[in-house]
N, C-alpha and C. Protein backbone atom coordinates (compact mmCIF):
# COMPACT_ATOMS: atom_id res chain seq x y z
N MET A 1 66.64 184.88 95.52
CA MET A 1 65.10 184.37 95.19
C MET A 1 64.31 185.89 94.62
N PRO A 2 63.83 186.39 93.47
CA PRO A 2 63.12 187.32 93.27
C PRO A 2 61.93 187.83 94.20
N ASP A 3 62.11 189.06 94.36
CA ASP A 3 60.70 189.69 95.53
C ASP A 3 59.73 189.54 94.51
N LEU A 4 59.52 189.53 92.99
CA LEU A 4 58.39 190.02 92.50
C LEU A 4 58.74 188.68 91.21
N LEU A 5 57.70 187.79 90.98
CA LEU A 5 57.64 186.81 90.05
C LEU A 5 56.34 187.40 88.85
N ILE A 6 56.68 187.36 87.63
CA ILE A 6 55.82 187.73 86.42
C ILE A 6 55.97 186.50 85.72
N GLU A 7 54.67 185.89 85.61
CA GLU A 7 54.45 184.76 84.48
C GLU A 7 53.55 185.13 83.54
N LYS A 8 53.61 184.76 82.26
CA LYS A 8 53.07 184.93 81.32
C LYS A 8 52.06 183.56 80.79
N ASP A 9 50.99 183.86 80.57
CA ASP A 9 50.43 182.64 80.09
C ASP A 9 49.24 182.94 79.10
N GLY A 10 49.66 182.93 77.92
CA GLY A 10 48.67 183.64 76.79
C GLY A 10 48.77 185.05 77.12
N PRO A 11 47.37 185.44 76.89
CA PRO A 11 46.95 186.58 77.18
C PRO A 11 47.08 187.28 78.66
N VAL A 12 47.32 186.35 79.79
CA VAL A 12 47.19 186.58 81.18
C VAL A 12 48.24 186.59 81.66
N VAL A 13 48.61 187.47 82.40
CA VAL A 13 49.96 188.01 83.05
C VAL A 13 49.55 187.36 84.37
N ILE A 14 50.44 187.27 85.17
CA ILE A 14 50.54 186.73 86.93
C ILE A 14 51.61 187.27 87.61
N VAL A 15 51.19 188.80 88.26
CA VAL A 15 52.50 189.05 88.58
C VAL A 15 52.46 188.58 90.45
N THR A 16 53.29 188.19 91.01
CA THR A 16 53.18 187.66 92.13
C THR A 16 54.08 188.74 93.03
N LEU A 17 53.68 188.76 94.21
CA LEU A 17 54.56 189.56 95.43
C LEU A 17 55.35 188.27 96.09
N ASN A 18 56.50 188.24 96.15
CA ASN A 18 57.45 187.00 96.54
C ASN A 18 58.38 187.29 97.72
N ARG A 19 57.14 187.35 98.91
CA ARG A 19 58.58 187.74 100.03
C ARG A 19 57.34 186.82 101.22
N PRO A 20 57.50 185.57 101.04
CA PRO A 20 56.19 184.97 101.64
C PRO A 20 56.83 184.57 103.51
N ALA A 21 58.14 184.55 103.26
CA ALA A 21 58.55 184.94 104.78
C ALA A 21 58.21 186.26 105.47
N ARG A 22 57.88 187.30 104.58
CA ARG A 22 57.69 188.42 105.46
C ARG A 22 56.26 188.74 105.14
N LEU A 23 55.70 187.73 104.95
CA LEU A 23 54.39 188.13 104.79
C LEU A 23 54.00 188.62 103.63
N ASN A 24 54.83 188.67 102.82
CA ASN A 24 55.10 189.43 101.01
C ASN A 24 54.81 190.93 101.45
N ALA A 25 55.68 191.60 102.55
CA ALA A 25 55.52 193.03 103.15
C ALA A 25 56.58 193.60 101.60
N MET A 26 56.27 194.80 101.22
CA MET A 26 56.93 195.34 100.47
C MET A 26 57.53 196.24 100.76
N THR A 27 58.38 196.41 99.71
CA THR A 27 60.15 197.09 100.12
C THR A 27 59.98 198.13 98.81
N LEU A 28 60.64 199.49 98.74
CA LEU A 28 60.92 200.11 97.80
C LEU A 28 61.50 199.71 96.34
N ALA A 29 62.06 198.26 96.56
CA ALA A 29 62.97 197.80 95.51
C ALA A 29 61.54 196.96 94.66
N MET A 30 60.50 196.59 95.34
CA MET A 30 59.38 196.12 94.93
C MET A 30 58.52 197.11 94.44
N PHE A 31 58.19 198.27 94.75
CA PHE A 31 57.65 199.15 94.03
C PHE A 31 58.31 199.92 92.76
N ALA A 32 59.60 199.45 92.65
CA ALA A 32 59.87 199.73 91.67
C ALA A 32 60.11 198.81 90.32
N ARG A 33 60.23 197.68 91.19
CA ARG A 33 59.78 196.87 89.84
C ARG A 33 58.30 196.39 89.63
N LEU A 34 57.36 196.35 90.68
CA LEU A 34 56.08 196.95 90.00
C LEU A 34 56.12 197.72 89.35
N ALA A 35 56.30 198.82 89.60
CA ALA A 35 56.23 200.12 88.21
C ALA A 35 57.01 199.59 86.97
N ASP A 36 57.70 198.80 86.88
CA ASP A 36 58.34 198.25 85.83
C ASP A 36 57.64 197.31 85.25
N ALA A 37 57.24 196.75 85.99
CA ALA A 37 55.89 195.38 85.68
C ALA A 37 54.41 196.36 84.90
N TRP A 38 54.41 197.18 85.22
CA TRP A 38 53.25 197.71 84.64
C TRP A 38 53.41 198.35 83.26
N ASP A 39 54.64 198.88 83.19
CA ASP A 39 55.27 199.29 81.78
C ASP A 39 55.41 198.33 80.82
N GLU A 40 55.99 196.92 81.40
CA GLU A 40 56.37 195.70 80.76
C GLU A 40 55.05 195.39 79.99
N ILE A 41 53.82 195.15 80.99
CA ILE A 41 52.44 194.85 80.23
C ILE A 41 51.91 195.70 79.43
N ASP A 42 52.46 196.78 79.21
CA ASP A 42 51.31 197.90 78.78
C ASP A 42 52.11 197.72 77.19
N ALA A 43 53.80 197.40 77.23
CA ALA A 43 54.26 196.94 75.72
C ALA A 43 53.83 195.80 75.34
N ASP A 44 53.73 194.96 75.90
CA ASP A 44 53.22 193.85 75.25
C ASP A 44 51.40 193.87 74.71
N THR A 45 51.47 193.84 73.90
CA THR A 45 49.64 194.44 73.25
C THR A 45 49.27 192.86 73.44
N SER A 46 49.82 191.67 73.77
CA SER A 46 49.27 190.26 73.60
C SER A 46 48.08 189.91 74.95
N VAL A 47 48.89 190.84 75.92
CA VAL A 47 48.46 191.00 77.20
C VAL A 47 47.19 191.43 77.43
N ARG A 48 46.22 190.53 77.59
CA ARG A 48 44.76 190.95 77.84
C ARG A 48 44.27 191.35 79.39
N VAL A 49 44.69 191.05 80.20
CA VAL A 49 44.51 191.05 81.64
C VAL A 49 45.51 190.85 82.62
N CYS A 50 45.76 191.23 83.84
CA CYS A 50 46.87 190.70 85.00
C CYS A 50 45.88 190.23 85.82
N ILE A 51 46.89 189.57 86.65
CA ILE A 51 46.32 188.84 87.77
C ILE A 51 47.41 189.20 89.14
N LEU A 52 46.98 189.96 90.03
CA LEU A 52 47.93 190.47 91.36
C LEU A 52 47.67 189.54 92.43
N THR A 53 48.70 188.86 92.77
CA THR A 53 48.62 187.71 94.19
C THR A 53 50.02 187.58 94.89
N GLY A 54 49.84 186.83 95.98
CA GLY A 54 50.89 186.95 96.72
C GLY A 54 51.40 185.95 96.80
N ALA A 55 52.64 185.45 96.94
CA ALA A 55 53.22 183.89 97.57
C ALA A 55 52.81 183.31 98.43
N GLY A 56 52.85 182.22 99.01
CA GLY A 56 52.43 181.66 100.10
C GLY A 56 51.08 181.84 100.62
N ASP A 57 51.00 182.08 101.94
CA ASP A 57 49.52 182.20 102.43
C ASP A 57 48.81 183.89 102.63
N HIS A 58 49.80 184.67 102.03
CA HIS A 58 49.17 186.01 102.04
C HIS A 58 49.36 186.66 101.02
N PHE A 59 48.66 187.66 101.15
CA PHE A 59 48.59 188.71 99.80
C PHE A 59 49.51 189.70 99.95
N SER A 60 49.72 190.86 101.20
CA SER A 60 50.61 191.49 101.31
C SER A 60 50.34 192.01 102.75
N ALA A 61 51.46 192.12 103.91
CA ALA A 61 51.09 192.71 105.05
C ALA A 61 51.69 194.37 104.98
N GLY A 62 51.39 194.71 103.51
CA GLY A 62 51.82 196.23 103.69
C GLY A 62 53.27 196.77 103.45
N MET A 63 53.74 197.64 103.85
CA MET A 63 55.19 198.16 103.67
C MET A 63 55.96 197.18 104.76
N ASP A 64 57.28 197.28 104.22
CA ASP A 64 58.24 196.69 105.20
C ASP A 64 58.92 197.91 106.14
N LEU A 65 58.20 198.12 107.29
CA LEU A 65 58.95 198.86 108.43
C LEU A 65 60.23 198.85 108.39
N ARG A 66 60.86 197.82 108.50
CA ARG A 66 62.09 197.47 108.75
C ARG A 66 63.14 197.64 107.53
N ALA A 67 62.64 197.57 106.17
CA ALA A 67 63.35 197.92 105.31
C ALA A 67 63.25 199.28 104.83
N MET A 68 61.86 200.20 105.39
CA MET A 68 61.89 201.64 105.29
C MET A 68 62.48 202.35 106.14
N ALA A 69 62.77 201.48 107.29
CA ALA A 69 64.10 202.47 108.24
C ALA A 69 65.31 202.22 107.92
N GLY A 70 65.67 201.64 106.89
CA GLY A 70 66.91 201.66 106.09
C GLY A 70 67.74 199.74 106.16
N ASP A 71 66.90 199.35 106.77
CA ASP A 71 67.56 197.97 106.34
C ASP A 71 67.28 197.17 104.96
N ALA A 72 68.14 196.98 104.26
CA ALA A 72 67.58 196.48 102.88
C ALA A 72 67.58 195.19 102.90
N ALA A 73 66.21 194.58 102.40
CA ALA A 73 65.75 193.46 101.82
C ALA A 73 67.19 192.60 101.73
N GLU A 74 67.26 191.29 102.18
CA GLU A 74 68.53 190.30 102.71
C GLU A 74 68.82 190.03 101.04
N GLY A 75 69.62 190.10 100.25
CA GLY A 75 70.25 189.72 98.99
C GLY A 75 69.59 190.76 97.80
N ASP A 76 69.00 191.96 98.28
CA ASP A 76 68.47 192.58 97.40
C ASP A 76 69.53 193.84 96.87
N ASP A 77 70.06 193.88 95.61
CA ASP A 77 70.62 194.78 95.24
C ASP A 77 70.50 195.88 93.96
N TYR A 78 69.19 196.36 94.35
CA TYR A 78 68.49 197.17 93.39
C TYR A 78 68.76 198.56 94.15
N ASP A 79 68.94 199.40 93.17
CA ASP A 79 69.64 200.81 93.44
C ASP A 79 68.65 201.54 93.48
N VAL A 80 67.85 201.48 94.57
CA VAL A 80 66.82 202.11 95.20
C VAL A 80 67.22 204.13 94.66
N LYS A 81 68.42 204.01 95.72
CA LYS A 81 68.86 205.61 95.80
C LYS A 81 69.17 206.17 94.51
N GLY A 82 69.82 205.41 93.76
CA GLY A 82 69.89 206.04 91.84
C GLY A 82 68.84 206.16 91.17
N ARG A 83 68.05 205.21 91.57
CA ARG A 83 66.34 205.67 90.95
C ARG A 83 65.96 206.99 91.37
N MET A 84 66.03 207.34 92.73
CA MET A 84 65.13 208.15 93.18
C MET A 84 66.15 209.42 92.97
N GLU A 85 67.49 209.40 92.81
CA GLU A 85 67.78 210.72 92.39
C GLU A 85 67.59 210.80 90.57
N ARG A 86 67.31 210.19 89.75
CA ARG A 86 67.22 210.10 88.66
C ARG A 86 65.84 210.44 88.08
N GLN A 87 64.63 210.19 89.29
CA GLN A 87 63.17 210.29 88.57
C GLN A 87 62.33 210.54 89.62
N GLY A 88 62.93 210.51 90.95
CA GLY A 88 62.30 211.33 91.85
C GLY A 88 61.50 209.98 92.79
N SER A 89 60.34 210.65 93.16
CA SER A 89 59.94 209.29 94.09
C SER A 89 58.40 208.66 93.30
N ASP A 90 57.82 209.14 92.40
CA ASP A 90 56.87 209.24 91.44
C ASP A 90 56.44 207.76 91.48
N TRP A 91 57.74 206.97 90.85
CA TRP A 91 57.46 205.44 90.69
C TRP A 91 56.80 204.67 92.05
N ILE A 92 57.03 205.09 93.23
CA ILE A 92 56.36 204.59 94.19
C ILE A 92 55.28 204.03 94.08
N TYR A 93 54.39 205.48 93.96
CA TYR A 93 53.02 205.25 93.80
C TYR A 93 52.36 204.59 92.57
N ASP A 94 53.47 204.54 91.58
CA ASP A 94 53.04 204.00 90.24
C ASP A 94 53.11 202.67 90.71
N GLY A 95 53.91 201.94 91.38
CA GLY A 95 54.13 200.43 91.90
C GLY A 95 52.69 200.34 92.71
N LEU A 96 52.19 201.27 93.25
CA LEU A 96 50.90 200.87 94.06
C LEU A 96 49.69 200.89 93.39
N LEU A 97 49.48 201.23 92.06
CA LEU A 97 48.54 201.66 91.45
C LEU A 97 47.86 202.63 92.00
N LYS A 98 48.29 203.57 92.47
CA LYS A 98 48.00 205.10 93.09
C LYS A 98 47.76 206.14 91.95
N THR A 99 49.11 206.04 91.04
CA THR A 99 48.88 207.31 89.94
C THR A 99 49.38 206.75 88.81
N ARG A 100 49.29 205.58 88.32
CA ARG A 100 49.40 204.69 86.96
C ARG A 100 48.64 203.43 87.02
N HIS A 101 48.38 202.77 86.17
CA HIS A 101 47.75 201.55 86.00
C HIS A 101 48.04 201.28 84.39
N PRO A 102 48.27 199.82 84.70
CA PRO A 102 48.35 199.07 83.05
C PRO A 102 47.25 199.42 82.38
N ARG A 103 47.26 199.31 81.13
CA ARG A 103 46.00 199.66 80.39
C ARG A 103 44.85 198.65 80.24
N VAL A 104 45.15 196.87 81.12
CA VAL A 104 44.27 196.03 81.15
C VAL A 104 44.13 196.11 82.35
N PRO A 105 42.68 195.06 82.76
CA PRO A 105 42.26 194.86 84.14
C PRO A 105 43.36 194.19 84.84
N VAL A 106 43.40 194.56 86.43
CA VAL A 106 44.05 193.99 87.15
C VAL A 106 43.11 193.43 87.80
N ILE A 107 43.23 191.88 88.28
CA ILE A 107 42.52 191.23 88.95
C ILE A 107 43.30 190.45 90.24
N ALA A 108 42.88 191.06 91.55
CA ALA A 108 43.71 190.73 92.91
C ALA A 108 42.81 189.27 93.35
N ALA A 109 43.79 188.46 93.59
CA ALA A 109 43.53 187.45 94.03
C ALA A 109 44.47 187.06 95.59
N VAL A 110 43.16 187.30 96.59
CA VAL A 110 44.09 187.28 98.02
C VAL A 110 43.64 186.29 98.80
N GLU A 111 44.79 185.92 99.38
CA GLU A 111 44.45 184.68 100.47
C GLU A 111 45.36 185.69 101.88
N GLY A 112 44.62 185.27 103.18
CA GLY A 112 45.44 185.89 104.07
C GLY A 112 45.43 187.31 104.44
N ASN A 113 46.65 187.77 104.62
CA ASN A 113 46.77 189.64 105.41
C ASN A 113 46.58 190.45 103.84
N ALA A 114 45.92 191.26 103.62
CA ALA A 114 46.08 192.37 102.51
C ALA A 114 45.63 193.62 103.66
N ILE A 115 46.63 193.60 104.50
CA ILE A 115 46.85 195.02 105.31
C ILE A 115 47.65 195.98 104.78
N ALA A 116 47.22 197.37 105.24
CA ALA A 116 47.79 198.64 105.42
C ALA A 116 48.02 198.43 103.44
N GLY A 117 49.25 198.63 102.90
CA GLY A 117 49.55 198.84 101.54
C GLY A 117 49.39 197.52 101.08
N GLY A 118 48.63 196.48 101.55
CA GLY A 118 48.19 195.13 100.80
C GLY A 118 46.67 196.00 100.29
N THR A 119 46.10 196.32 101.30
CA THR A 119 44.56 197.31 100.95
C THR A 119 44.92 198.12 99.96
N GLU A 120 45.85 198.90 100.29
CA GLU A 120 45.98 200.20 99.15
C GLU A 120 46.03 199.50 98.13
N ILE A 121 47.05 198.83 97.57
CA ILE A 121 47.09 198.46 96.38
C ILE A 121 46.13 197.59 95.62
N LEU A 122 45.32 197.22 96.56
CA LEU A 122 44.18 196.39 96.37
C LEU A 122 43.04 197.15 95.79
N GLN A 123 42.89 198.66 96.07
CA GLN A 123 41.91 199.71 95.64
C GLN A 123 42.28 199.79 94.16
N GLY A 124 43.28 199.70 93.64
CA GLY A 124 43.70 200.00 92.54
C GLY A 124 43.35 198.84 91.40
N THR A 125 42.75 197.59 91.88
CA THR A 125 42.32 196.92 90.87
C THR A 125 40.86 196.92 90.44
N GLU A 126 40.58 196.01 89.59
CA GLU A 126 39.33 196.33 88.91
C GLU A 126 38.38 195.26 89.28
N ILE A 127 38.94 193.91 89.52
CA ILE A 127 37.97 192.47 90.02
C ILE A 127 38.86 192.00 91.19
N ARG A 128 38.44 191.84 92.61
CA ARG A 128 38.85 190.94 93.41
C ARG A 128 38.26 190.00 94.03
N VAL A 129 39.43 188.81 94.27
CA VAL A 129 38.92 187.53 94.40
C VAL A 129 39.37 187.43 96.29
N ALA A 130 38.82 186.85 97.15
CA ALA A 130 39.18 186.74 98.23
C ALA A 130 39.28 185.55 99.01
N GLY A 131 40.10 184.77 99.46
CA GLY A 131 39.91 183.51 100.41
C GLY A 131 38.88 183.82 101.69
N GLU A 132 37.94 183.10 101.94
CA GLU A 132 37.23 183.27 103.18
C GLU A 132 38.07 183.73 104.36
N SER A 133 39.26 183.23 104.64
CA SER A 133 39.95 183.95 106.00
C SER A 133 40.89 184.89 105.75
N ALA A 134 40.39 185.67 104.51
CA ALA A 134 41.37 187.16 104.22
C ALA A 134 41.05 188.09 104.92
N THR A 135 41.99 189.02 105.32
CA THR A 135 41.71 189.73 106.37
C THR A 135 42.08 191.30 105.66
N PHE A 136 41.55 192.56 105.86
CA PHE A 136 41.84 193.72 105.27
C PHE A 136 41.83 194.73 106.33
N GLY A 137 42.26 196.07 106.06
CA GLY A 137 42.48 197.18 106.86
C GLY A 137 43.90 197.76 106.20
N VAL A 138 43.14 199.41 106.85
CA VAL A 138 43.97 200.09 106.40
C VAL A 138 44.98 200.69 107.95
N SER A 139 45.78 200.37 108.38
CA SER A 139 46.51 200.17 109.73
C SER A 139 47.25 201.48 110.20
N GLU A 140 47.61 202.50 109.09
CA GLU A 140 48.72 203.18 109.25
C GLU A 140 48.26 204.18 110.49
N ALA A 141 47.12 204.49 111.00
CA ALA A 141 46.96 205.46 111.85
C ALA A 141 47.43 204.87 113.56
N ARG A 142 47.53 203.59 113.25
CA ARG A 142 48.04 202.70 114.49
C ARG A 142 49.69 203.32 114.87
N TRP A 143 50.07 203.12 113.64
CA TRP A 143 51.72 203.37 113.72
C TRP A 143 52.02 205.23 113.28
N SER A 144 51.27 205.88 113.67
CA SER A 144 51.31 207.34 113.14
C SER A 144 51.77 207.84 112.01
N LEU A 145 51.07 206.92 111.26
CA LEU A 145 51.71 207.46 109.75
C LEU A 145 50.58 207.50 108.88
N TYR A 146 50.71 208.43 107.81
CA TYR A 146 49.34 208.77 106.64
C TYR A 146 49.17 207.22 105.77
N PRO A 147 48.42 207.21 105.17
CA PRO A 147 48.10 205.75 104.49
C PRO A 147 48.47 206.76 102.81
N GLY A 148 49.86 206.67 102.82
CA GLY A 148 50.17 207.20 101.23
C GLY A 148 49.79 206.85 99.96
N GLY A 149 49.14 205.43 100.18
CA GLY A 149 48.63 204.56 98.91
C GLY A 149 47.26 204.87 98.27
N GLY A 150 46.76 206.03 99.16
CA GLY A 150 45.47 206.73 98.22
C GLY A 150 44.18 206.25 99.29
N SER A 151 44.43 205.67 100.08
CA SER A 151 43.01 205.34 100.92
C SER A 151 42.48 206.57 101.54
N ALA A 152 42.87 207.47 101.73
CA ALA A 152 41.90 209.07 102.72
C ALA A 152 41.38 209.19 101.33
N VAL A 153 40.89 208.84 100.09
CA VAL A 153 40.58 209.66 99.14
C VAL A 153 39.88 208.25 98.43
N ARG A 154 40.64 207.03 98.17
CA ARG A 154 39.80 206.44 97.08
C ARG A 154 39.03 205.27 97.93
N LEU A 155 39.32 205.04 99.20
CA LEU A 155 38.50 203.88 99.92
C LEU A 155 37.16 204.52 100.34
N ALA A 156 36.98 205.76 100.36
CA ALA A 156 35.44 205.99 100.68
C ALA A 156 34.38 206.36 99.45
N ARG A 157 35.45 206.02 98.51
CA ARG A 157 35.06 205.99 96.70
C ARG A 157 34.48 204.57 96.42
N GLN A 158 34.99 203.36 97.13
CA GLN A 158 34.40 202.41 96.80
C GLN A 158 34.16 201.39 97.93
N ILE A 159 33.80 202.24 99.09
CA ILE A 159 32.84 201.66 100.00
C ILE A 159 32.48 202.84 100.75
N PRO A 160 31.19 202.79 101.47
CA PRO A 160 30.30 203.75 102.36
C PRO A 160 31.42 204.54 103.15
N PHE A 161 30.99 205.96 102.69
CA PHE A 161 32.16 207.33 103.32
C PHE A 161 32.39 206.47 105.03
N THR A 162 31.35 206.57 106.01
CA THR A 162 31.30 206.10 107.42
C THR A 162 32.17 204.69 107.73
N VAL A 163 31.82 203.79 106.64
CA VAL A 163 32.67 202.44 107.43
C VAL A 163 33.97 202.92 106.70
N ALA A 164 34.34 203.45 105.65
CA ALA A 164 35.87 203.83 105.29
C ALA A 164 36.74 204.64 106.18
N ALA A 165 35.56 205.66 106.83
CA ALA A 165 36.53 206.35 107.86
C ALA A 165 36.43 205.79 109.18
N ASP A 166 35.20 205.23 109.54
CA ASP A 166 35.96 203.98 110.58
C ASP A 166 37.05 203.05 110.43
N ILE A 167 37.39 202.32 109.44
CA ILE A 167 38.59 201.67 109.10
C ILE A 167 39.96 202.37 109.32
N LEU A 168 39.71 203.91 108.46
CA LEU A 168 40.92 204.48 108.29
C LEU A 168 41.44 205.17 109.78
N LEU A 169 40.47 205.68 110.39
CA LEU A 169 40.58 206.09 111.71
C LEU A 169 40.90 205.41 112.62
N THR A 170 40.32 203.81 113.09
CA THR A 170 40.38 203.17 113.97
C THR A 170 41.33 202.05 113.78
N GLY A 171 41.78 202.04 112.43
CA GLY A 171 42.58 201.19 111.89
C GLY A 171 42.40 199.62 112.05
N ARG A 172 41.10 199.69 112.29
CA ARG A 172 40.36 197.83 112.44
C ARG A 172 40.51 197.66 111.23
N HIS A 173 40.58 195.96 111.09
CA HIS A 173 40.67 195.05 109.73
C HIS A 173 39.61 194.24 110.12
N ILE A 174 38.87 194.45 108.88
CA ILE A 174 37.40 193.66 108.49
C ILE A 174 37.55 192.27 108.34
N GLY A 175 37.25 191.38 107.90
CA GLY A 175 37.01 189.89 107.56
C GLY A 175 36.75 189.69 106.05
N ALA A 176 36.77 188.66 104.73
CA ALA A 176 36.22 188.91 103.88
C ALA A 176 34.55 188.93 103.67
N ALA A 177 34.28 188.32 104.61
CA ALA A 177 32.55 188.29 104.54
C ALA A 177 32.27 189.91 104.50
N GLU A 178 32.89 190.61 105.38
CA GLU A 178 32.30 191.82 105.53
C GLU A 178 32.99 192.78 104.69
N ALA A 179 34.12 192.37 104.00
CA ALA A 179 34.65 193.36 102.49
C ALA A 179 33.60 193.10 101.47
N LEU A 180 33.40 191.26 101.49
CA LEU A 180 32.24 191.42 100.20
C LEU A 180 30.66 192.11 100.68
N ARG A 181 30.18 192.18 101.79
CA ARG A 181 28.98 192.90 101.87
C ARG A 181 29.27 194.48 101.56
N LEU A 182 30.68 194.78 101.86
CA LEU A 182 30.81 196.50 101.40
C LEU A 182 31.10 196.63 100.23
N GLY A 183 31.50 195.52 99.03
CA GLY A 183 32.11 195.83 97.93
C GLY A 183 33.52 196.07 97.63
N LEU A 184 34.45 195.92 98.87
CA LEU A 184 35.65 196.23 98.60
C LEU A 184 36.04 194.88 97.98
N VAL A 185 35.31 193.63 98.01
CA VAL A 185 36.03 192.69 96.92
C VAL A 185 34.53 191.76 96.33
N GLY A 186 34.67 191.32 95.29
CA GLY A 186 33.65 191.00 94.48
C GLY A 186 33.14 189.56 94.56
N HIS A 187 34.21 188.48 95.21
CA HIS A 187 34.04 187.19 95.37
C HIS A 187 35.19 186.90 96.17
N VAL A 188 34.13 185.77 97.22
CA VAL A 188 34.65 185.26 98.26
C VAL A 188 34.61 183.64 98.14
N VAL A 189 35.62 182.94 98.25
CA VAL A 189 36.01 181.77 97.84
C VAL A 189 36.46 180.47 99.14
N PRO A 190 36.71 179.55 98.76
CA PRO A 190 37.53 178.53 99.95
C PRO A 190 38.52 178.83 99.97
N ASP A 191 39.49 178.95 101.18
CA ASP A 191 40.90 179.43 101.18
C ASP A 191 41.59 178.67 100.45
N GLY A 192 43.02 179.23 99.40
CA GLY A 192 43.79 178.57 99.05
C GLY A 192 42.94 177.95 97.37
N THR A 193 41.83 178.97 97.12
CA THR A 193 41.15 178.61 95.67
C THR A 193 41.23 180.09 95.01
N ALA A 194 41.78 181.37 95.63
CA ALA A 194 41.50 182.79 95.32
C ALA A 194 42.08 182.76 93.61
N LEU A 195 43.31 182.17 93.71
CA LEU A 195 44.16 182.46 92.33
C LEU A 195 43.11 181.39 91.62
N GLU A 196 42.81 180.53 91.83
CA GLU A 196 42.12 179.38 90.88
C GLU A 196 41.12 180.25 90.29
N ARG A 197 40.13 180.88 91.20
CA ARG A 197 39.05 181.27 90.67
C ARG A 197 39.43 182.87 89.89
N ALA A 198 40.59 183.67 90.20
CA ALA A 198 40.73 184.79 89.48
C ALA A 198 41.19 184.36 88.08
N LEU A 199 42.01 183.13 87.70
CA LEU A 199 42.31 182.40 86.56
C LEU A 199 40.96 182.47 85.59
N GLU A 200 40.18 181.78 86.24
CA GLU A 200 38.75 181.26 85.44
C GLU A 200 38.29 183.26 85.26
N ILE A 201 38.22 183.73 85.91
CA ILE A 201 37.80 185.23 85.80
C ILE A 201 38.46 185.54 84.42
N ALA A 202 40.10 185.60 84.83
CA ALA A 202 40.97 186.09 83.64
C ALA A 202 40.47 185.70 82.38
N ALA A 203 40.07 184.28 82.14
CA ALA A 203 39.92 183.96 80.82
C ALA A 203 38.79 184.48 80.41
N THR A 204 37.87 184.52 80.94
CA THR A 204 36.65 185.06 80.49
C THR A 204 36.88 186.79 79.96
N VAL A 205 37.29 187.38 80.92
CA VAL A 205 37.53 188.97 80.66
C VAL A 205 38.54 188.87 79.34
N ALA A 206 39.58 188.10 79.02
CA ALA A 206 40.70 187.75 78.07
C ALA A 206 39.94 187.15 76.85
N ALA A 207 39.00 186.90 76.83
CA ALA A 207 37.85 186.18 75.81
C ALA A 207 37.04 187.31 75.23
N ASN A 208 36.73 188.25 75.93
CA ASN A 208 35.77 189.25 75.60
C ASN A 208 36.95 190.63 74.20
N GLY A 209 35.66 191.06 73.89
CA GLY A 209 36.21 191.99 72.95
C GLY A 209 37.26 193.00 73.32
N PRO A 210 38.38 192.85 72.48
CA PRO A 210 39.67 193.70 73.34
C PRO A 210 39.29 195.49 73.11
N LEU A 211 38.89 195.86 72.27
CA LEU A 211 38.30 196.84 72.06
C LEU A 211 37.18 197.61 73.10
N ALA A 212 36.59 196.91 73.48
CA ALA A 212 35.35 196.82 74.43
C ALA A 212 35.89 197.30 75.71
N ILE A 213 36.95 195.98 76.10
CA ILE A 213 37.63 196.10 77.40
C ILE A 213 38.28 197.66 77.16
N GLU A 214 39.05 197.98 76.10
CA GLU A 214 39.79 198.95 76.58
C GLU A 214 39.11 200.19 77.09
N ALA A 215 38.19 200.13 76.34
CA ALA A 215 37.02 201.70 76.35
C ALA A 215 36.60 201.36 77.84
N ILE A 216 35.96 200.34 78.48
CA ILE A 216 35.57 200.16 79.61
C ILE A 216 36.76 200.78 80.69
N MET A 217 37.89 200.71 80.46
CA MET A 217 38.92 200.53 81.06
C MET A 217 39.55 202.32 81.26
N ARG A 218 38.84 202.97 80.37
CA ARG A 218 39.14 204.46 80.09
C ARG A 218 38.73 205.35 81.53
């Protein structure tokens, strides 16, 4: 089963992280496929908006540390080493929406955990919808890791500095209600309906003037 699903419905593309058995924890191969997905979206001028979500009950538990340590994801034959030899490692951060962004708005539909890399990629999206039981956090400090997805800089630009520092330095998690109060997400909905609400918002965005949306995105 592919670890990244891409579905197009008219002007809306839904990109789904698809490793529910691992809480959609991301691998290097997934970062590569995400980077390619952003390129594909840019190449299709009929696409007006993108939704990023996770399969099953969770958005993403972040980087799959087991895979990062060298254990390839089961059944994944993506040539990560070859891509690194050809292109370096910038595509990892492109996939995470740190150094690259598609030309269209990205709406995050979050259920369950959006932890570590899950919260990092979230910060690269424009509109964020969360189920009421969703959990957010940048936990890398707990594992003596640096938050390489950009949170050390951009989290403090999106929520109050002292709260961002607290989250980053303690590694604590916050719930959907606090995330809404801080402005990390814009909508909190009943569990299981985040994607439904994201689709409604996407339809509204897609119906607006494309040149206006393009100018706002610059």
